[in-house]
N, C-alpha and C. Protein backbone atom coordinates (compact mmCIF):
# COMPACT_ATOMS: atom_id res chain seq x y z
N MET A 1 -31.25 -71.04 -17.69
CA MET A 1 -31.59 -70.86 -19.08
C MET A 1 -31.48 -69.39 -19.48
N GLN A 2 -31.77 -68.52 -18.54
CA GLN A 2 -31.65 -67.09 -18.84
C GLN A 2 -30.19 -66.72 -19.09
N GLN A 3 -29.26 -67.30 -18.33
CA GLN A 3 -27.84 -67.03 -18.57
C GLN A 3 -27.43 -67.53 -19.94
N GLU A 4 -27.97 -68.68 -20.34
CA GLU A 4 -27.64 -69.21 -21.67
C GLU A 4 -28.18 -68.30 -22.76
N ALA A 5 -29.34 -67.72 -22.55
CA ALA A 5 -29.90 -66.78 -23.52
C ALA A 5 -29.08 -65.49 -23.59
N ASP A 6 -28.58 -65.05 -22.43
CA ASP A 6 -27.85 -63.78 -22.38
C ASP A 6 -26.39 -63.89 -22.81
N HIS A 7 -25.77 -65.05 -22.60
CA HIS A 7 -24.32 -65.16 -22.80
C HIS A 7 -23.93 -66.17 -23.87
N ALA A 8 -24.83 -66.53 -24.75
CA ALA A 8 -24.52 -67.54 -25.76
C ALA A 8 -23.43 -67.05 -26.70
N ALA A 9 -22.53 -67.97 -27.05
CA ALA A 9 -21.45 -67.62 -27.98
C ALA A 9 -21.97 -67.48 -29.40
N VAL A 10 -23.06 -68.16 -29.72
CA VAL A 10 -23.68 -68.09 -31.04
C VAL A 10 -25.00 -67.34 -30.88
N VAL A 11 -25.18 -66.29 -31.64
CA VAL A 11 -26.36 -65.43 -31.51
C VAL A 11 -27.64 -66.23 -31.75
N LEU A 12 -27.64 -67.12 -32.72
CA LEU A 12 -28.83 -67.92 -33.03
C LEU A 12 -29.25 -68.77 -31.82
N GLN A 13 -28.28 -69.34 -31.12
CA GLN A 13 -28.61 -70.15 -29.96
C GLN A 13 -29.26 -69.30 -28.87
N GLY A 14 -28.70 -68.14 -28.60
CA GLY A 14 -29.29 -67.24 -27.62
C GLY A 14 -30.70 -66.81 -27.98
N THR A 15 -30.91 -66.54 -29.26
CA THR A 15 -32.23 -66.15 -29.74
C THR A 15 -33.22 -67.29 -29.60
N LEU A 16 -32.82 -68.51 -29.96
CA LEU A 16 -33.72 -69.66 -29.83
C LEU A 16 -34.10 -69.92 -28.38
N VAL A 17 -33.14 -69.80 -27.49
CA VAL A 17 -33.44 -70.01 -26.07
C VAL A 17 -34.37 -68.92 -25.56
N ARG A 18 -34.10 -67.68 -25.93
CA ARG A 18 -34.90 -66.56 -25.46
C ARG A 18 -36.31 -66.58 -26.03
N GLU A 19 -36.45 -66.88 -27.32
CA GLU A 19 -37.74 -66.76 -28.00
C GLU A 19 -38.58 -68.04 -27.97
N ILE A 20 -37.94 -69.21 -27.88
CA ILE A 20 -38.69 -70.47 -27.96
C ILE A 20 -38.67 -71.24 -26.65
N VAL A 21 -37.47 -71.44 -26.09
CA VAL A 21 -37.36 -72.31 -24.92
C VAL A 21 -37.92 -71.65 -23.67
N LEU A 22 -37.48 -70.44 -23.36
CA LEU A 22 -37.93 -69.79 -22.12
C LEU A 22 -39.44 -69.58 -22.06
N PRO A 23 -40.11 -69.14 -23.13
CA PRO A 23 -41.57 -69.01 -23.04
C PRO A 23 -42.29 -70.36 -22.88
N ASN A 24 -41.65 -71.43 -23.29
CA ASN A 24 -42.25 -72.77 -23.21
C ASN A 24 -41.48 -73.67 -22.26
N ILE A 25 -41.04 -73.11 -21.13
CA ILE A 25 -40.20 -73.87 -20.21
C ILE A 25 -40.95 -75.05 -19.59
N GLU A 26 -42.27 -74.96 -19.48
CA GLU A 26 -43.04 -76.09 -18.93
C GLU A 26 -42.99 -77.29 -19.85
N LEU A 27 -42.70 -77.10 -21.11
CA LEU A 27 -42.50 -78.21 -22.05
C LEU A 27 -41.04 -78.64 -22.10
N PHE A 28 -40.14 -77.67 -22.21
CA PHE A 28 -38.72 -77.99 -22.38
C PHE A 28 -38.04 -78.43 -21.09
N GLY A 29 -38.50 -77.96 -19.94
CA GLY A 29 -37.91 -78.34 -18.66
C GLY A 29 -37.95 -79.85 -18.43
N PRO A 30 -39.14 -80.47 -18.47
CA PRO A 30 -39.19 -81.93 -18.30
C PRO A 30 -38.49 -82.69 -19.43
N LEU A 31 -38.52 -82.15 -20.64
CA LEU A 31 -37.84 -82.80 -21.76
C LEU A 31 -36.33 -82.87 -21.51
N VAL A 32 -35.75 -81.76 -21.08
CA VAL A 32 -34.31 -81.74 -20.78
C VAL A 32 -34.01 -82.68 -19.61
N TYR A 33 -34.88 -82.69 -18.60
CA TYR A 33 -34.69 -83.58 -17.46
C TYR A 33 -34.65 -85.04 -17.91
N PHE A 34 -35.59 -85.45 -18.73
CA PHE A 34 -35.64 -86.85 -19.17
C PHE A 34 -34.49 -87.21 -20.10
N VAL A 35 -34.02 -86.26 -20.90
CA VAL A 35 -32.84 -86.53 -21.73
C VAL A 35 -31.62 -86.72 -20.84
N GLU A 36 -31.45 -85.87 -19.83
CA GLU A 36 -30.33 -86.03 -18.91
C GLU A 36 -30.43 -87.33 -18.11
N LEU A 37 -31.65 -87.69 -17.71
CA LEU A 37 -31.86 -88.96 -17.01
C LEU A 37 -31.53 -90.14 -17.92
N THR A 38 -31.90 -90.06 -19.18
CA THR A 38 -31.58 -91.11 -20.15
C THR A 38 -30.07 -91.26 -20.32
N ILE A 39 -29.37 -90.14 -20.40
CA ILE A 39 -27.91 -90.18 -20.51
C ILE A 39 -27.31 -90.86 -19.29
N ALA A 40 -27.76 -90.47 -18.11
CA ALA A 40 -27.22 -91.03 -16.88
C ALA A 40 -27.48 -92.53 -16.78
N VAL A 41 -28.68 -92.96 -17.05
CA VAL A 41 -29.02 -94.39 -16.97
C VAL A 41 -28.23 -95.17 -18.01
N SER A 42 -28.11 -94.63 -19.19
CA SER A 42 -27.36 -95.29 -20.25
C SER A 42 -25.91 -95.52 -19.86
N LEU A 43 -25.28 -94.49 -19.32
CA LEU A 43 -23.87 -94.61 -18.98
C LEU A 43 -23.65 -95.41 -17.70
N LEU A 44 -24.56 -95.31 -16.75
CA LEU A 44 -24.41 -96.07 -15.50
C LEU A 44 -24.62 -97.57 -15.71
N LEU A 45 -25.59 -97.92 -16.53
CA LEU A 45 -25.88 -99.33 -16.76
C LEU A 45 -25.07 -99.92 -17.92
N GLY A 46 -24.45 -99.07 -18.70
CA GLY A 46 -23.73 -99.56 -19.87
C GLY A 46 -24.69 -100.06 -20.94
N LEU A 47 -25.88 -99.48 -20.99
CA LEU A 47 -26.91 -99.87 -21.94
C LEU A 47 -27.00 -98.82 -23.04
N LEU A 48 -26.70 -99.23 -24.26
CA LEU A 48 -26.64 -98.30 -25.39
C LEU A 48 -25.75 -97.11 -25.04
N SER A 49 -24.59 -97.43 -24.51
CA SER A 49 -23.71 -96.40 -23.96
C SER A 49 -23.16 -95.46 -25.03
N ARG A 50 -22.97 -95.93 -26.23
CA ARG A 50 -22.48 -95.05 -27.29
C ARG A 50 -23.53 -93.99 -27.64
N ALA A 51 -24.80 -94.38 -27.68
CA ALA A 51 -25.87 -93.42 -27.95
C ALA A 51 -26.02 -92.44 -26.78
N GLY A 52 -25.91 -92.94 -25.56
CA GLY A 52 -25.97 -92.07 -24.39
C GLY A 52 -24.83 -91.08 -24.37
N ALA A 53 -23.65 -91.54 -24.73
CA ALA A 53 -22.49 -90.63 -24.78
C ALA A 53 -22.66 -89.59 -25.88
N LEU A 54 -23.25 -89.97 -26.99
CA LEU A 54 -23.49 -88.99 -28.06
C LEU A 54 -24.48 -87.93 -27.60
N LEU A 55 -25.54 -88.34 -26.91
CA LEU A 55 -26.47 -87.36 -26.35
C LEU A 55 -25.77 -86.46 -25.34
N GLY A 56 -24.92 -87.05 -24.51
CA GLY A 56 -24.16 -86.28 -23.53
C GLY A 56 -23.22 -85.29 -24.19
N LEU A 57 -22.61 -85.70 -25.30
CA LEU A 57 -21.73 -84.81 -26.05
C LEU A 57 -22.51 -83.62 -26.60
N LEU A 58 -23.69 -83.87 -27.14
CA LEU A 58 -24.51 -82.77 -27.67
C LEU A 58 -24.97 -81.83 -26.56
N MET A 59 -25.35 -82.40 -25.41
CA MET A 59 -25.75 -81.56 -24.27
C MET A 59 -24.56 -80.74 -23.77
N GLY A 60 -23.38 -81.35 -23.71
CA GLY A 60 -22.19 -80.63 -23.28
C GLY A 60 -21.82 -79.50 -24.22
N LEU A 61 -21.94 -79.74 -25.52
CA LEU A 61 -21.66 -78.68 -26.50
C LEU A 61 -22.66 -77.54 -26.36
N ASN A 62 -23.92 -77.88 -26.11
CA ASN A 62 -24.93 -76.86 -25.89
C ASN A 62 -24.59 -75.99 -24.68
N LEU A 63 -24.18 -76.64 -23.59
CA LEU A 63 -23.80 -75.88 -22.39
C LEU A 63 -22.54 -75.05 -22.64
N TRP A 64 -21.58 -75.63 -23.32
CA TRP A 64 -20.33 -74.92 -23.59
C TRP A 64 -20.59 -73.66 -24.42
N LEU A 65 -21.36 -73.79 -25.48
CA LEU A 65 -21.65 -72.64 -26.32
C LEU A 65 -22.59 -71.65 -25.65
N GLY A 66 -23.50 -72.15 -24.84
CA GLY A 66 -24.47 -71.28 -24.20
C GLY A 66 -23.92 -70.50 -23.02
N LEU A 67 -22.99 -71.07 -22.28
CA LEU A 67 -22.47 -70.42 -21.07
C LEU A 67 -21.02 -70.02 -21.21
N TYR A 68 -20.54 -69.90 -22.44
CA TYR A 68 -19.13 -69.64 -22.68
C TYR A 68 -18.65 -68.36 -22.01
N SER A 69 -19.42 -67.29 -22.09
CA SER A 69 -18.97 -66.00 -21.55
C SER A 69 -19.76 -65.58 -20.32
N ALA A 70 -20.48 -66.50 -19.68
CA ALA A 70 -21.26 -66.15 -18.49
C ALA A 70 -20.34 -65.89 -17.31
N ASP A 71 -20.73 -64.95 -16.48
CA ASP A 71 -19.94 -64.63 -15.28
C ASP A 71 -19.96 -65.82 -14.32
N GLY A 72 -18.80 -66.12 -13.76
CA GLY A 72 -18.70 -67.21 -12.80
C GLY A 72 -18.64 -68.59 -13.40
N GLU A 73 -18.65 -68.69 -14.69
CA GLU A 73 -18.55 -69.99 -15.37
C GLU A 73 -17.16 -70.14 -15.96
N TRP A 74 -16.65 -71.33 -15.89
CA TRP A 74 -15.36 -71.66 -16.48
C TRP A 74 -15.64 -72.54 -17.68
N PRO A 75 -15.49 -72.04 -18.91
CA PRO A 75 -15.91 -72.79 -20.10
C PRO A 75 -15.19 -74.12 -20.28
N TRP A 76 -13.99 -74.26 -19.71
CA TRP A 76 -13.28 -75.52 -19.88
C TRP A 76 -13.93 -76.66 -19.12
N THR A 77 -14.78 -76.35 -18.15
CA THR A 77 -15.54 -77.39 -17.46
C THR A 77 -16.41 -78.14 -18.47
N TYR A 78 -17.10 -77.39 -19.30
CA TYR A 78 -17.98 -77.99 -20.29
C TYR A 78 -17.20 -78.64 -21.42
N MET A 79 -16.05 -78.06 -21.78
CA MET A 79 -15.23 -78.67 -22.81
C MET A 79 -14.67 -80.01 -22.31
N PHE A 80 -14.30 -80.07 -21.04
CA PHE A 80 -13.82 -81.33 -20.48
C PHE A 80 -14.93 -82.37 -20.50
N LEU A 81 -16.15 -81.96 -20.18
CA LEU A 81 -17.30 -82.86 -20.26
C LEU A 81 -17.48 -83.36 -21.69
N CYS A 82 -17.33 -82.47 -22.66
CA CYS A 82 -17.45 -82.87 -24.08
C CYS A 82 -16.36 -83.85 -24.47
N MET A 83 -15.14 -83.63 -23.96
CA MET A 83 -14.04 -84.53 -24.30
C MET A 83 -14.29 -85.93 -23.74
N ILE A 84 -14.79 -86.02 -22.52
CA ILE A 84 -15.09 -87.33 -21.94
C ILE A 84 -16.19 -88.03 -22.72
N GLN A 85 -17.23 -87.30 -23.07
CA GLN A 85 -18.34 -87.90 -23.82
C GLN A 85 -17.88 -88.34 -25.22
N ALA A 86 -17.02 -87.54 -25.85
CA ALA A 86 -16.49 -87.93 -27.16
C ALA A 86 -15.65 -89.19 -27.04
N TRP A 87 -14.89 -89.30 -25.97
CA TRP A 87 -14.10 -90.51 -25.72
C TRP A 87 -15.02 -91.72 -25.58
N PHE A 88 -16.15 -91.55 -24.86
CA PHE A 88 -17.10 -92.64 -24.69
C PHE A 88 -17.81 -92.98 -26.00
N VAL A 89 -17.96 -92.02 -26.90
CA VAL A 89 -18.54 -92.33 -28.22
C VAL A 89 -17.57 -93.19 -29.02
N LEU A 90 -16.29 -92.83 -28.98
CA LEU A 90 -15.28 -93.57 -29.75
C LEU A 90 -14.94 -94.93 -29.13
N ASP A 91 -14.87 -94.98 -27.81
CA ASP A 91 -14.51 -96.20 -27.09
C ASP A 91 -15.52 -96.39 -25.96
N PRO A 92 -16.69 -96.97 -26.26
CA PRO A 92 -17.79 -96.96 -25.31
C PRO A 92 -17.52 -97.79 -24.05
N PRO A 93 -18.02 -97.30 -22.91
CA PRO A 93 -17.91 -98.08 -21.69
C PRO A 93 -18.96 -99.18 -21.67
N GLY A 94 -18.89 -100.04 -20.68
CA GLY A 94 -19.92 -101.07 -20.53
C GLY A 94 -19.67 -102.32 -21.34
N ARG A 95 -18.46 -102.49 -21.87
CA ARG A 95 -18.20 -103.68 -22.68
C ARG A 95 -17.74 -104.87 -21.85
N ALA A 96 -17.52 -104.67 -20.56
CA ALA A 96 -17.12 -105.79 -19.71
C ALA A 96 -18.20 -106.12 -18.70
N LEU A 97 -18.76 -105.12 -18.05
CA LEU A 97 -19.76 -105.38 -17.01
C LEU A 97 -21.08 -104.68 -17.28
N GLY A 98 -21.24 -104.05 -18.41
CA GLY A 98 -22.47 -103.33 -18.71
C GLY A 98 -23.47 -104.19 -19.46
N ALA A 99 -24.64 -103.62 -19.66
CA ALA A 99 -25.70 -104.33 -20.37
C ALA A 99 -25.38 -104.50 -21.85
N ASP A 100 -24.53 -103.63 -22.40
CA ASP A 100 -24.17 -103.77 -23.81
C ASP A 100 -23.49 -105.09 -24.10
N VAL A 101 -22.67 -105.58 -23.17
CA VAL A 101 -21.99 -106.85 -23.39
C VAL A 101 -22.98 -108.01 -23.38
N LEU A 102 -24.02 -107.89 -22.60
CA LEU A 102 -25.05 -108.94 -22.59
C LEU A 102 -25.79 -108.96 -23.92
N LEU A 103 -26.08 -107.79 -24.46
CA LEU A 103 -26.74 -107.72 -25.76
C LEU A 103 -25.83 -108.25 -26.86
N LEU A 104 -24.54 -107.92 -26.79
CA LEU A 104 -23.58 -108.40 -27.77
C LEU A 104 -23.42 -109.91 -27.66
N HIS A 105 -23.38 -110.42 -26.44
CA HIS A 105 -23.23 -111.86 -26.21
C HIS A 105 -24.45 -112.61 -26.74
N ARG A 106 -25.61 -112.03 -26.62
CA ARG A 106 -26.83 -112.68 -27.10
C ARG A 106 -26.83 -112.79 -28.62
N ARG A 107 -26.23 -111.79 -29.29
CA ARG A 107 -26.19 -111.81 -30.76
C ARG A 107 -25.11 -112.75 -31.29
N ALA A 108 -23.94 -112.75 -30.64
CA ALA A 108 -22.82 -113.58 -31.10
C ALA A 108 -22.26 -114.34 -29.91
N PRO A 109 -22.77 -115.54 -29.63
CA PRO A 109 -22.31 -116.28 -28.46
C PRO A 109 -20.83 -116.64 -28.58
N ALA A 110 -20.14 -116.55 -27.45
CA ALA A 110 -18.71 -116.86 -27.40
C ALA A 110 -18.52 -118.36 -27.24
N SER A 111 -17.31 -118.82 -27.54
CA SER A 111 -17.03 -120.25 -27.46
C SER A 111 -16.83 -120.70 -26.02
N GLY A 112 -16.22 -119.86 -25.18
CA GLY A 112 -15.99 -120.23 -23.78
C GLY A 112 -17.13 -119.78 -22.90
N THR A 113 -17.19 -120.33 -21.69
CA THR A 113 -18.29 -120.00 -20.81
C THR A 113 -18.14 -118.60 -20.21
N LEU A 114 -16.93 -118.16 -19.91
CA LEU A 114 -16.73 -116.84 -19.32
C LEU A 114 -16.00 -115.89 -20.25
N SER A 115 -15.85 -116.23 -21.51
CA SER A 115 -15.08 -115.38 -22.41
C SER A 115 -15.79 -114.05 -22.70
N TRP A 116 -17.08 -113.95 -22.45
CA TRP A 116 -17.79 -112.69 -22.69
C TRP A 116 -17.46 -111.66 -21.63
N LEU A 117 -16.82 -112.05 -20.54
CA LEU A 117 -16.44 -111.10 -19.51
C LEU A 117 -15.15 -110.38 -19.83
N THR A 118 -14.37 -110.88 -20.75
CA THR A 118 -13.07 -110.28 -21.05
C THR A 118 -13.15 -109.36 -22.23
């Protein structure tokens, strides 16, 4: 977090991290952990995967802007993460074997017995 405060591409982001997040890390640390855990569970289970991908996209943009000029960081790593998450927002995973297909099937039952798998 200190690197993000020191090397942020946007001055406001660096200031917010330095003045608000770092002094209250005991609050923001677990919050960030649970948001990342929510993203992971969402994408792994295919449950509300579009919302999970949107959260992942926002987290990736935060990392990209915060660590853009940090030493030892390659900013395209975070941009690639953002591109994957944006792809998942537009074309969400979990439509064949994820929990989202079960929720969709429950709302609009298919005519065939296994047609919800395709």
